[in-house]
């Protein structure tokens, strides 16, 4: 005759297995009958659903804000780029004038200064 206090190969005594089976059966019957619809499970579903919707709303808001900042940056970069292009063109014109002036000065110095030969 087997000793009932010794654990079976699964590690539970027969008393423990009976208790586990009764608990599982009670829970299974409770969920099958629908007696828990207004209880914990429903509340958990609403909480998870609410968090999901809150997450979606937050993601949408952040995406809108990021897009707005991106558009502002593109506009600002475009205006700075146009402004810099104008300044670069003006600087190129000034450099060309300076080069012409330097060439005139060099030509005048060539005419007036004696050459060492």
C-alpha atoms as a PDB file:
ATOM      1  CA  UNK A   1       0.000   0.000   0.000  1.00  0.00           C
ATOM      2  CA  UNK A   2       1.367   3.409  -0.981  1.00  0.00           C
ATOM      3  CA  UNK A   3       2.044   6.046   1.628  1.00  0.00           C
ATOM      4  CA  UNK A   4      -0.295   9.011   1.016  1.00  0.00           C
ATOM      5  CA  UNK A   5       2.143  11.527   2.480  1.00  0.00           C
ATOM      6  CA  UNK A   6       4.818  10.742  -0.087  1.00  0.00           C
ATOM      7  CA  UNK A   7       4.861  13.002  -3.129  1.00  0.00           C
ATOM      8  CA  UNK A   8       3.943  11.451  -6.455  1.00  0.00           C
ATOM      9  CA  UNK A   9       6.264  11.782  -9.497  1.00  0.00           C
ATOM     10  CA  UNK A  10       4.764  15.227 -10.178  1.00  0.00           C
ATOM     11  CA  UNK A  11       5.730  16.430  -6.689  1.00  0.00           C
ATOM     12  CA  UNK A  12       2.217  16.723  -5.150  1.00  0.00           C
ATOM     13  CA  UNK A  13       0.624  14.488  -2.541  1.00  0.00           C
ATOM     14  CA  UNK A  14      -2.828  13.055  -3.336  1.00  0.00           C
ATOM     15  CA  UNK A  15      -4.416  15.510  -0.907  1.00  0.00           C
ATOM     16  CA  UNK A  16      -2.712  18.411  -2.639  1.00  0.00           C
ATOM     17  CA  UNK A  17      -3.816  17.156  -6.056  1.00  0.00           C
ATOM     18  CA  UNK A  18      -7.407  16.834  -4.844  1.00  0.00           C
ATOM     19  CA  UNK A  19      -7.317  20.396  -3.519  1.00  0.00           C
ATOM     20  CA  UNK A  20      -5.836  21.733  -6.791  1.00  0.00           C
ATOM     21  CA  UNK A  21      -8.442  19.873  -8.858  1.00  0.00           C
ATOM     22  CA  UNK A  22     -11.309  21.216  -6.716  1.00  0.00           C
ATOM     23  CA  UNK A  23      -9.996  24.782  -7.046  1.00  0.00           C
ATOM     24  CA  UNK A  24      -9.594  24.484 -10.822  1.00  0.00           C
ATOM     25  CA  UNK A  25     -13.081  22.997 -11.153  1.00  0.00           C
ATOM     26  CA  UNK A  26     -14.588  25.797  -9.049  1.00  0.00           C
ATOM     27  CA  UNK A  27     -12.898  28.467 -11.155  1.00  0.00           C
ATOM     28  CA  UNK A  28     -13.842  26.756 -14.404  1.00  0.00           C
ATOM     29  CA  UNK A  29     -17.497  26.525 -13.359  1.00  0.00           C
ATOM     30  CA  UNK A  30     -17.525  30.139 -12.214  1.00  0.00           C
ATOM     31  CA  UNK A  31     -16.228  31.416 -15.570  1.00  0.00           C
ATOM     32  CA  UNK A  32     -18.488  29.102 -17.572  1.00  0.00           C
ATOM     33  CA  UNK A  33     -21.571  30.296 -15.742  1.00  0.00           C
ATOM     34  CA  UNK A  34     -20.645  33.930 -16.355  1.00  0.00           C
ATOM     35  CA  UNK A  35     -20.942  34.873 -12.705  1.00  0.00           C
ATOM     36  CA  UNK A  36     -17.743  36.899 -12.954  1.00  0.00           C
ATOM     37  CA  UNK A  37     -18.786  39.175 -15.822  1.00  0.00           C
ATOM     38  CA  UNK A  38     -19.113  42.270 -13.672  1.00  0.00           C
ATOM     39  CA  UNK A  39     -16.099  41.442 -11.552  1.00  0.00           C
ATOM     40  CA  UNK A  40     -12.355  41.393 -11.729  1.00  0.00           C
ATOM     41  CA  UNK A  41     -11.948  40.084 -15.267  1.00  0.00           C
ATOM     42  CA  UNK A  42     -14.197  42.726 -16.776  1.00  0.00           C
ATOM     43  CA  UNK A  43     -12.478  45.433 -14.783  1.00  0.00           C
ATOM     44  CA  UNK A  44      -9.094  44.188 -15.944  1.00  0.00           C
ATOM     45  CA  UNK A  45     -10.254  44.217 -19.572  1.00  0.00           C
ATOM     46  CA  UNK A  46     -11.465  47.811 -19.215  1.00  0.00           C
ATOM     47  CA  UNK A  47      -8.206  48.849 -17.541  1.00  0.00           C
ATOM     48  CA  UNK A  48      -6.104  47.265 -20.287  1.00  0.00           C
ATOM     49  CA  UNK A  49      -8.355  48.741 -22.979  1.00  0.00           C
ATOM     50  CA  UNK A  50      -8.161  52.166 -21.357  1.00  0.00           C
ATOM     51  CA  UNK A  51      -4.377  52.014 -21.174  1.00  0.00           C
ATOM     52  CA  UNK A  52      -4.229  50.943 -24.811  1.00  0.00           C
ATOM     53  CA  UNK A  53      -6.443  53.838 -25.918  1.00  0.00           C
ATOM     54  CA  UNK A  54      -4.438  56.247 -23.772  1.00  0.00           C
ATOM     55  CA  UNK A  55      -1.255  54.942 -25.388  1.00  0.00           C
ATOM     56  CA  UNK A  56      -2.708  55.424 -28.879  1.00  0.00           C
ATOM     57  CA  UNK A  57      -3.849  58.953 -28.052  1.00  0.00           C
ATOM     58  CA  UNK A  58      -0.435  59.818 -26.621  1.00  0.00           C
ATOM     59  CA  UNK A  59       1.339  58.393 -29.668  1.00  0.00           C
ATOM     60  CA  UNK A  60      -0.948  60.377 -31.987  1.00  0.00           C
ATOM     61  CA  UNK A  61      -0.395  63.590 -30.047  1.00  0.00           C
ATOM     62  CA  UNK A  62       3.382  63.104 -30.027  1.00  0.00           C
ATOM     63  CA  UNK A  63       3.418  62.317 -33.754  1.00  0.00           C
ATOM     64  CA  UNK A  64       1.450  65.507 -34.465  1.00  0.00           C
ATOM     65  CA  UNK A  65       3.806  67.584 -32.333  1.00  0.00           C
ATOM     66  CA  UNK A  66       6.873  66.064 -33.985  1.00  0.00           C
ATOM     67  CA  UNK A  67       5.447  66.751 -37.431  1.00  0.00           C
ATOM     68  CA  UNK A  68       4.732  70.357 -36.454  1.00  0.00           C
ATOM     69  CA  UNK A  69       8.286  70.859 -35.182  1.00  0.00           C
ATOM     70  CA  UNK A  70       9.656  69.197 -38.315  1.00  0.00           C
ATOM     71  CA  UNK A  71       7.669  71.570 -40.561  1.00  0.00           C
ATOM     72  CA  UNK A  72       8.839  74.603 -38.565  1.00  0.00           C
ATOM     73  CA  UNK A  73      12.452  73.462 -38.808  1.00  0.00           C
ATOM     74  CA  UNK A  74      12.174  72.895 -42.562  1.00  0.00           C
ATOM     75  CA  UNK A  75      10.727  76.382 -43.028  1.00  0.00           C
ATOM     76  CA  UNK A  76      13.439  77.943 -40.860  1.00  0.00           C
ATOM     77  CA  UNK A  77      16.227  76.031 -42.595  1.00  0.00           C
ATOM     78  CA  UNK A  78      14.846  77.055 -45.997  1.00  0.00           C
ATOM     79  CA  UNK A  79      14.776  80.741 -45.065  1.00  0.00           C
ATOM     80  CA  UNK A  80      18.289  80.569 -43.582  1.00  0.00           C
ATOM     81  CA  UNK A  81      19.527  78.775 -46.701  1.00  0.00           C
ATOM     82  CA  UNK A  82      18.034  81.485 -48.958  1.00  0.00           C
ATOM     83  CA  UNK A  83      19.533  84.213 -46.784  1.00  0.00           C
ATOM     84  CA  UNK A  84      22.955  82.558 -46.885  1.00  0.00           C
ATOM     85  CA  UNK A  85      22.780  82.164 -50.666  1.00  0.00           C
ATOM     86  CA  UNK A  86      22.169  85.913 -50.966  1.00  0.00           C
ATOM     87  CA  UNK A  87      25.081  86.686 -48.646  1.00  0.00           C
ATOM     88  CA  UNK A  88      27.359  84.283 -50.543  1.00  0.00           C
ATOM     89  CA  UNK A  89      26.482  85.980 -53.840  1.00  0.00           C
ATOM     90  CA  UNK A  90      27.179  89.390 -52.287  1.00  0.00           C
ATOM     91  CA  UNK A  91      30.509  88.160 -50.907  1.00  0.00           C
ATOM     92  CA  UNK A  92      31.513  86.752 -54.302  1.00  0.00           C
ATOM     93  CA  UNK A  93      30.784  90.136 -55.871  1.00  0.00           C
ATOM     94  CA  UNK A  94      32.866  91.896 -53.191  1.00  0.00           C
ATOM     95  CA  UNK A  95      35.729  89.431 -53.704  1.00  0.00           C
ATOM     96  CA  UNK A  96      35.634  90.071 -57.452  1.00  0.00           C
ATOM     97  CA  UNK A  97      35.811  93.850 -56.844  1.00  0.00           C
ATOM     98  CA  UNK A  98      38.718  93.382 -54.448  1.00  0.00           C
ATOM     99  CA  UNK A  99      40.543  91.223 -57.006  1.00  0.00           C
ATOM    100  CA  UNK A 100      40.043  93.923 -59.670  1.00  0.00           C
ATOM    101  CA  UNK A 101      41.310  96.600 -57.250  1.00  0.00           C
ATOM    102  CA  UNK A 102      44.334  94.492 -56.349  1.00  0.00           C
ATOM    103  CA  UNK A 103      45.108  93.969 -60.059  1.00  0.00           C
ATOM    104  CA  UNK A 104      44.925  97.771 -60.639  1.00  0.00           C
ATOM    105  CA  UNK A 105      47.190  98.458 -57.672  1.00  0.00           C
ATOM    106  CA  UNK A 106      49.710  95.882 -58.895  1.00  0.00           C
ATOM    107  CA  UNK A 107      49.608  97.401 -62.406  1.00  0.00           C
ATOM    108  CA  UNK A 108      50.205 100.920 -61.012  1.00  0.00           C
ATOM    109  CA  UNK A 109      53.067  99.696 -58.827  1.00  0.00           C
ATOM    110  CA  UNK A 110      54.604  97.933 -61.847  1.00  0.00           C
ATOM    111  CA  UNK A 111      54.554 101.188 -63.811  1.00  0.00           C
ATOM    112  CA  UNK A 112      55.905 103.467 -61.072  1.00  0.00           C
ATOM    113  CA  UNK A 113      58.428 101.350 -59.204  1.00  0.00           C
ATOM    114  CA  UNK A 114      61.776 100.684 -60.800  1.00  0.00           C
ATOM    115  CA  UNK A 115      62.600  97.143 -61.578  1.00  0.00           C
ATOM    116  CA  UNK A 116      65.693  95.529 -60.205  1.00  0.00           C
ATOM    117  CA  UNK A 117      67.501  93.662 -62.916  1.00  0.00           C
END
